[in-house]
Amino acid sequence: MLEKNGYDCLLFSTVNPMESMHFNLFDHIHEDTLDQDVLDIVDCIISATQEADEKRDFWTKAEKLWLTAAIGFVAGFCPKEDQTMQTVMDLLLQSEVSETDETMQSVTDIIFADAEKENPDHFAVQIYKLYRKAAGISAKSVLFSLGNRLNPFLLPAVKSLTSDDNLDIECIATRKTAVFLTISDSSSTFEFLSALILHVIVSQL
């Protein structure tokens, strides 16, 4: 009925991923507003994955630093085909911290060191340097908490839904559009994806 009346219909479904359009948040980070777009997206991810009784101000702020640096790095340094949350998860999986050796460098540390040589003033590089000020045992806890928060991105269904983007959100501002977000009524595990989409929609209007 909507299509007959000239509407473009968009569907994103975590209930039936095979029937869903795909959403890649990196397609909605713009070069001229990269810093602000990344900060806004990280705030949305943290808020949408926050547990109701979660009160860990220091840890949450440290997680935001790492995630901001990682998403900023992927958006600013990686080729277009690698600009997905899977690359962010690769950085997380390659992050290691020693509680006894502060000089130890993980693969992710080396990647950011190389990025600093290329562009020392880049937003993501500067944010990562702030994160690295955390002591070994604290940084290790931060990485563990992030792994717990972001682990849905490792699931095959979520990888598929977020590996590319054909959810033409930009058309909302220029054409008559109906957006359908289908979420489970028995599980909140994937609700953060819908929250991200709504965040991007609002930012486009």
C-alpha atoms as a PDB file:
ATOM      1  CA  MET A   1       0.000   0.000   0.000  1.00  0.00           C
ATOM      2  CA  LEU A   2       2.800   2.405   0.897  1.00  0.00           C
ATOM      3  CA  GLU A   3       4.755   1.589  -2.252  1.00  0.00           C
ATOM      4  CA  LYS A   4       1.656   2.150  -4.384  1.00  0.00           C
ATOM      5  CA  ASN A   5       1.426   5.602  -2.813  1.00  0.00           C
ATOM      6  CA  GLY A   6       4.973   6.510  -3.781  1.00  0.00           C
ATOM      7  CA  TYR A   7       6.868   5.542  -0.619  1.00  0.00           C
ATOM      8  CA  ASP A   8      10.277   3.885  -0.526  1.00  0.00           C
ATOM      9  CA  CYS A   9      10.077   1.093   2.065  1.00  0.00           C
ATOM     10  CA  LEU A  10      13.129   0.159   4.108  1.00  0.00           C
ATOM     11  CA  LEU A  11      13.281  -2.928   6.319  1.00  0.00           C
ATOM     12  CA  PHE A  12      15.887  -3.794   8.928  1.00  0.00           C
ATOM     13  CA  SER A  13      15.207  -6.982  10.838  1.00  0.00           C
ATOM     14  CA  THR A  14      17.224  -8.774  13.502  1.00  0.00           C
ATOM     15  CA  VAL A  15      14.442 -11.354  13.720  1.00  0.00           C
ATOM     16  CA  ASN A  16      14.748 -12.460  10.092  1.00  0.00           C
ATOM     17  CA  PRO A  17      18.246 -11.358   8.985  1.00  0.00           C
ATOM     18  CA  MET A  18      17.905 -13.087   5.599  1.00  0.00           C
ATOM     19  CA  GLU A  19      15.003 -10.762   4.722  1.00  0.00           C
ATOM     20  CA  SER A  20      16.703  -7.659   6.088  1.00  0.00           C
ATOM     21  CA  MET A  21      18.507  -4.804   4.418  1.00  0.00           C
ATOM     22  CA  HIS A  22      22.052  -4.214   5.668  1.00  0.00           C
ATOM     23  CA  PHE A  23      23.383  -1.327   7.767  1.00  0.00           C
ATOM     24  CA  ASN A  24      27.042  -0.335   8.015  1.00  0.00           C
ATOM     25  CA  LEU A  25      27.528   2.571  10.423  1.00  0.00           C
ATOM     26  CA  PHE A  26      30.752   3.589   8.656  1.00  0.00           C
ATOM     27  CA  ASP A  27      28.748   4.547   5.568  1.00  0.00           C
ATOM     28  CA  HIS A  28      27.250   7.312   7.703  1.00  0.00           C
ATOM     29  CA  ILE A  29      30.510   8.789   9.011  1.00  0.00           C
ATOM     30  CA  HIS A  30      31.449  11.756   6.856  1.00  0.00           C
ATOM     31  CA  GLU A  31      34.996  12.940   6.262  1.00  0.00           C
ATOM     32  CA  ASP A  32      34.259  16.590   6.992  1.00  0.00           C
ATOM     33  CA  THR A  33      32.517  15.774  10.303  1.00  0.00           C
ATOM     34  CA  LEU A  34      34.422  12.587  11.174  1.00  0.00           C
ATOM     35  CA  ASP A  35      35.342  13.545  14.738  1.00  0.00           C
ATOM     36  CA  GLN A  36      31.818  14.513  15.766  1.00  0.00           C
ATOM     37  CA  ASP A  37      30.182  11.618  13.888  1.00  0.00           C
ATOM     38  CA  VAL A  38      32.446   9.115  15.681  1.00  0.00           C
ATOM     39  CA  LEU A  39      31.826  10.671  19.098  1.00  0.00           C
ATOM     40  CA  ASP A  40      28.059  10.582  18.535  1.00  0.00           C
ATOM     41  CA  ILE A  41      28.090   6.966  17.308  1.00  0.00           C
ATOM     42  CA  VAL A  42      30.211   5.790  20.248  1.00  0.00           C
ATOM     43  CA  ASP A  43      27.864   7.526  22.689  1.00  0.00           C
ATOM     44  CA  CYS A  44      24.955   5.745  21.014  1.00  0.00           C
ATOM     45  CA  ILE A  45      26.660   2.315  21.164  1.00  0.00           C
ATOM     46  CA  ILE A  46      27.595   2.727  24.841  1.00  0.00           C
ATOM     47  CA  SER A  47      24.125   3.982  25.814  1.00  0.00           C
ATOM     48  CA  ALA A  48      22.330   1.270  23.847  1.00  0.00           C
ATOM     49  CA  THR A  49      24.424  -1.528  25.377  1.00  0.00           C
ATOM     50  CA  GLN A  50      24.398  -0.174  28.940  1.00  0.00           C
ATOM     51  CA  GLU A  51      22.878  -2.511  31.484  1.00  0.00           C
ATOM     52  CA  ALA A  52      20.206  -1.018  33.724  1.00  0.00           C
ATOM     53  CA  ASP A  53      22.262  -1.415  36.922  1.00  0.00           C
ATOM     54  CA  GLU A  54      25.604  -0.549  35.317  1.00  0.00           C
ATOM     55  CA  LYS A  55      27.430   2.089  37.362  1.00  0.00           C
ATOM     56  CA  ARG A  56      31.092   1.983  36.384  1.00  0.00           C
ATOM     57  CA  ASP A  57      31.908   5.556  35.490  1.00  0.00           C
ATOM     58  CA  PHE A  58      35.701   5.127  35.149  1.00  0.00           C
ATOM     59  CA  TRP A  59      35.435   1.884  33.167  1.00  0.00           C
ATOM     60  CA  THR A  60      32.722   3.200  30.888  1.00  0.00           C
ATOM     61  CA  LYS A  61      34.729   6.341  30.089  1.00  0.00           C
ATOM     62  CA  ALA A  62      37.819   4.226  29.375  1.00  0.00           C
ATOM     63  CA  GLU A  63      35.790   1.936  27.099  1.00  0.00           C
ATOM     64  CA  LYS A  64      34.537   5.007  25.233  1.00  0.00           C
ATOM     65  CA  LEU A  65      38.123   6.181  24.699  1.00  0.00           C
ATOM     66  CA  TRP A  66      39.200   2.862  23.163  1.00  0.00           C
ATOM     67  CA  LEU A  67      36.073   2.524  21.024  1.00  0.00           C
ATOM     68  CA  THR A  68      36.311   6.133  19.828  1.00  0.00           C
ATOM     69  CA  ALA A  69      39.942   5.612  18.831  1.00  0.00           C
ATOM     70  CA  ALA A  70      39.186   2.318  17.057  1.00  0.00           C
ATOM     71  CA  ILE A  71      36.175   3.567  15.078  1.00  0.00           C
ATOM     72  CA  GLY A  72      38.005   6.803  14.287  1.00  0.00           C
ATOM     73  CA  PHE A  73      41.013   4.832  13.051  1.00  0.00           C
ATOM     74  CA  VAL A  74      38.943   2.549  10.827  1.00  0.00           C
ATOM     75  CA  ALA A  75      37.057   5.530   9.385  1.00  0.00           C
ATOM     76  CA  GLY A  76      40.182   7.632   8.898  1.00  0.00           C
ATOM     77  CA  PHE A  77      42.910   5.190   7.877  1.00  0.00           C
ATOM     78  CA  CYS A  78      41.382   1.989   6.478  1.00  0.00           C
ATOM     79  CA  PRO A  79      40.348   1.419   2.840  1.00  0.00           C
ATOM     80  CA  LYS A  80      36.626   1.577   2.162  1.00  0.00           C
ATOM     81  CA  GLU A  81      36.186  -2.201   1.978  1.00  0.00           C
ATOM     82  CA  ASP A  82      37.602  -2.595   5.496  1.00  0.00           C
ATOM     83  CA  GLN A  83      35.451   0.094   7.064  1.00  0.00           C
ATOM     84  CA  THR A  84      33.162  -2.169   9.079  1.00  0.00           C
ATOM     85  CA  MET A  85      32.682  -3.112  12.714  1.00  0.00           C
ATOM     86  CA  GLN A  86      34.475  -6.381  11.937  1.00  0.00           C
ATOM     87  CA  THR A  87      37.714  -4.418  11.556  1.00  0.00           C
ATOM     88  CA  VAL A  88      37.020  -2.772  14.924  1.00  0.00           C
ATOM     89  CA  MET A  89      36.538  -6.229  16.436  1.00  0.00           C
ATOM     90  CA  ASP A  90      39.818  -7.367  14.852  1.00  0.00           C
ATOM     91  CA  LEU A  91      41.572  -4.480  16.609  1.00  0.00           C
ATOM     92  CA  LEU A  92      39.959  -5.525  19.886  1.00  0.00           C
ATOM     93  CA  LEU A  93      40.921  -9.177  19.443  1.00  0.00           C
ATOM     94  CA  GLN A  94      44.509  -8.122  18.700  1.00  0.00           C
ATOM     95  CA  SER A  95      44.721  -5.890  21.773  1.00  0.00           C
ATOM     96  CA  GLU A  96      46.765  -7.298  24.632  1.00  0.00           C
ATOM     97  CA  VAL A  97      47.925  -5.759  27.892  1.00  0.00           C
ATOM     98  CA  SER A  98      50.589  -6.933  30.313  1.00  0.00           C
ATOM     99  CA  GLU A  99      50.012  -6.279  33.986  1.00  0.00           C
ATOM    100  CA  THR A 100      53.749  -6.401  34.682  1.00  0.00           C
ATOM    101  CA  ASP A 101      55.387  -5.010  31.520  1.00  0.00           C
ATOM    102  CA  GLU A 102      54.166  -1.512  30.649  1.00  0.00           C
ATOM    103  CA  THR A 103      56.416  -1.444  27.571  1.00  0.00           C
ATOM    104  CA  MET A 104      54.788  -4.447  25.887  1.00  0.00           C
ATOM    105  CA  GLN A 105      53.118  -3.581  22.581  1.00  0.00           C
ATOM    106  CA  SER A 106      50.200  -5.484  21.129  1.00  0.00           C
ATOM    107  CA  VAL A 107      49.438  -5.707  17.416  1.00  0.00           C
ATOM    108  CA  THR A 108      46.868  -2.930  17.903  1.00  0.00           C
ATOM    109  CA  ASP A 109      49.446  -0.744  19.673  1.00  0.00           C
ATOM    110  CA  ILE A 110      51.781  -1.155  16.701  1.00  0.00           C
ATOM    111  CA  ILE A 111      48.991  -0.333  14.246  1.00  0.00           C
ATOM    112  CA  PHE A 112      48.271   2.913  16.086  1.00  0.00           C
ATOM    113  CA  ALA A 113      51.992   3.703  16.321  1.00  0.00           C
ATOM    114  CA  ASP A 114      52.218   3.395  12.538  1.00  0.00           C
ATOM    115  CA  ALA A 115      49.138   5.609  12.192  1.00  0.00           C
ATOM    116  CA  GLU A 116      50.800   8.212  14.409  1.00  0.00           C
ATOM    117  CA  LYS A 117      53.834   8.280  12.101  1.00  0.00           C
ATOM    118  CA  GLU A 118      51.496   8.863   9.155  1.00  0.00           C
ATOM    119  CA  ASN A 119      49.327  11.495  10.830  1.00  0.00           C
ATOM    120  CA  PRO A 120      50.342  12.380  14.412  1.00  0.00           C
ATOM    121  CA  ASP A 121      47.537  14.918  14.823  1.00  0.00           C
ATOM    122  CA  HIS A 122      44.716  12.625  13.747  1.00  0.00           C
ATOM    123  CA  PHE A 123      41.763  12.520  16.122  1.00  0.00           C
ATOM    124  CA  ALA A 124      41.896   8.716  16.532  1.00  0.00           C
ATOM    125  CA  VAL A 125      45.630   8.700  17.263  1.00  0.00           C
ATOM    126  CA  GLN A 126      45.274  11.326  19.975  1.00  0.00           C
ATOM    127  CA  ILE A 127      42.344   9.506  21.598  1.00  0.00           C
ATOM    128  CA  TYR A 128      44.257   6.208  21.623  1.00  0.00           C
ATOM    129  CA  LYS A 129      47.167   7.904  23.393  1.00  0.00           C
ATOM    130  CA  LEU A 130      44.724   8.983  26.112  1.00  0.00           C
ATOM    131  CA  TYR A 131      43.446   5.405  26.462  1.00  0.00           C
ATOM    132  CA  ARG A 132      47.018   4.059  26.751  1.00  0.00           C
ATOM    133  CA  LYS A 133      47.530   6.138  29.900  1.00  0.00           C
ATOM    134  CA  ALA A 134      45.570   3.467  31.780  1.00  0.00           C
ATOM    135  CA  ALA A 135      47.756   1.128  33.823  1.00  0.00           C
ATOM    136  CA  GLY A 136      48.129  -2.485  32.714  1.00  0.00           C
ATOM    137  CA  ILE A 137      45.579  -4.067  35.028  1.00  0.00           C
ATOM    138  CA  SER A 138      43.056  -1.287  34.352  1.00  0.00           C
ATOM    139  CA  ALA A 139      43.509  -1.475  30.577  1.00  0.00           C
ATOM    140  CA  LYS A 140      43.065  -5.239  30.702  1.00  0.00           C
ATOM    141  CA  SER A 141      39.756  -4.813  32.509  1.00  0.00           C
ATOM    142  CA  VAL A 142      38.661  -2.218  29.959  1.00  0.00           C
ATOM    143  CA  LEU A 143      39.349  -4.596  27.072  1.00  0.00           C
ATOM    144  CA  PHE A 144      37.474  -7.397  28.835  1.00  0.00           C
ATOM    145  CA  SER A 145      34.459  -5.119  29.404  1.00  0.00           C
ATOM    146  CA  LEU A 146      34.513  -4.007  25.775  1.00  0.00           C
ATOM    147  CA  GLY A 147      34.618  -7.620  24.631  1.00  0.00           C
ATOM    148  CA  ASN A 148      31.534  -8.324  26.703  1.00  0.00           C
ATOM    149  CA  ARG A 149      29.768  -5.236  25.363  1.00  0.00           C
ATOM    150  CA  LEU A 150      30.604  -5.734  21.689  1.00  0.00           C
ATOM    151  CA  ASN A 151      30.535  -9.542  21.377  1.00  0.00           C
ATOM    152  CA  PRO A 152      27.285  -9.567  19.315  1.00  0.00           C
ATOM    153  CA  PHE A 153      29.342  -8.159  16.416  1.00  0.00           C
ATOM    154  CA  LEU A 154      31.150 -11.514  16.267  1.00  0.00           C
ATOM    155  CA  LEU A 155      27.950 -13.421  15.482  1.00  0.00           C
ATOM    156  CA  PRO A 156      27.581 -14.470  11.818  1.00  0.00           C
ATOM    157  CA  ALA A 157      24.123 -12.883  11.499  1.00  0.00           C
ATOM    158  CA  VAL A 158      25.345  -9.520  12.803  1.00  0.00           C
ATOM    159  CA  LYS A 159      28.473  -9.706  10.658  1.00  0.00           C
ATOM    160  CA  SER A 160      26.250 -10.136   7.622  1.00  0.00           C
ATOM    161  CA  LEU A 161      23.867  -7.331   8.617  1.00  0.00           C
ATOM    162  CA  THR A 162      26.701  -4.850   9.216  1.00  0.00           C
ATOM    163  CA  SER A 163      29.262  -5.813   6.545  1.00  0.00           C
ATOM    164  CA  ASP A 164      27.810  -3.463   3.913  1.00  0.00           C
ATOM    165  CA  ASP A 165      24.972  -0.978   3.531  1.00  0.00           C
ATOM    166  CA  ASN A 166      21.916  -0.946   1.289  1.00  0.00           C
ATOM    167  CA  LEU A 167      19.619   0.763   3.802  1.00  0.00           C
ATOM    168  CA  ASP A 168      19.263   4.058   1.953  1.00  0.00           C
ATOM    169  CA  ILE A 169      18.723   6.214   5.034  1.00  0.00           C
ATOM    170  CA  GLU A 170      19.757   9.401   3.226  1.00  0.00           C
ATOM    171  CA  CYS A 171      16.615   9.173   1.062  1.00  0.00           C
ATOM    172  CA  ILE A 172      14.467   9.937   4.125  1.00  0.00           C
ATOM    173  CA  ALA A 173      15.370  13.617   3.856  1.00  0.00           C
ATOM    174  CA  THR A 174      14.496  13.858   0.156  1.00  0.00           C
ATOM    175  CA  ARG A 175      11.802  11.269  -0.630  1.00  0.00           C
ATOM    176  CA  LYS A 176       8.706   9.809   0.990  1.00  0.00           C
ATOM    177  CA  THR A 177      10.089   6.881   2.997  1.00  0.00           C
ATOM    178  CA  ALA A 178       8.730   4.288   5.430  1.00  0.00           C
ATOM    179  CA  VAL A 179      11.239   2.575   7.728  1.00  0.00           C
ATOM    180  CA  PHE A 180      10.432  -0.713   9.434  1.00  0.00           C
ATOM    181  CA  LEU A 181      12.695  -1.905  12.266  1.00  0.00           C
ATOM    182  CA  THR A 182      11.824  -5.432  13.362  1.00  0.00           C
ATOM    183  CA  ILE A 183      13.157  -6.440  16.782  1.00  0.00           C
ATOM    184  CA  SER A 184      12.580  -9.437  19.007  1.00  0.00           C
ATOM    185  CA  ASP A 185       9.887  -9.159  21.668  1.00  0.00           C
ATOM    186  CA  SER A 186      11.705 -11.679  23.861  1.00  0.00           C
ATOM    187  CA  SER A 187      15.352 -10.582  23.633  1.00  0.00           C
ATOM    188  CA  SER A 188      17.079  -7.198  23.743  1.00  0.00           C
ATOM    189  CA  THR A 189      20.450  -8.507  22.497  1.00  0.00           C
ATOM    190  CA  PHE A 190      20.301  -6.775  19.117  1.00  0.00           C
ATOM    191  CA  GLU A 191      18.287  -3.680  20.025  1.00  0.00           C
ATOM    192  CA  PHE A 192      21.460  -1.588  19.909  1.00  0.00           C
ATOM    193  CA  LEU A 193      21.506  -2.005  16.110  1.00  0.00           C
ATOM    194  CA  SER A 194      18.078  -0.425  15.827  1.00  0.00           C
ATOM    195  CA  ALA A 195      19.221   2.338  18.183  1.00  0.00           C
ATOM    196  CA  LEU A 196      22.160   3.060  15.866  1.00  0.00           C
ATOM    197  CA  ILE A 197      19.880   3.226  12.838  1.00  0.00           C
ATOM    198  CA  LEU A 198      17.488   5.597  14.633  1.00  0.00           C
ATOM    199  CA  HIS A 199      20.464   7.756  15.640  1.00  0.00           C
ATOM    200  CA  VAL A 200      21.582   8.024  12.013  1.00  0.00           C
ATOM    201  CA  ILE A 201      18.016   8.740  10.834  1.00  0.00           C
ATOM    202  CA  VAL A 202      17.613  11.583  13.332  1.00  0.00           C
ATOM    203  CA  SER A 203      20.979  13.041  12.336  1.00  0.00           C
ATOM    204  CA  GLN A 204      19.864  13.100   8.685  1.00  0.00           C
ATOM    205  CA  LEU A 205      16.689  15.078   9.363  1.00  0.00           C
END
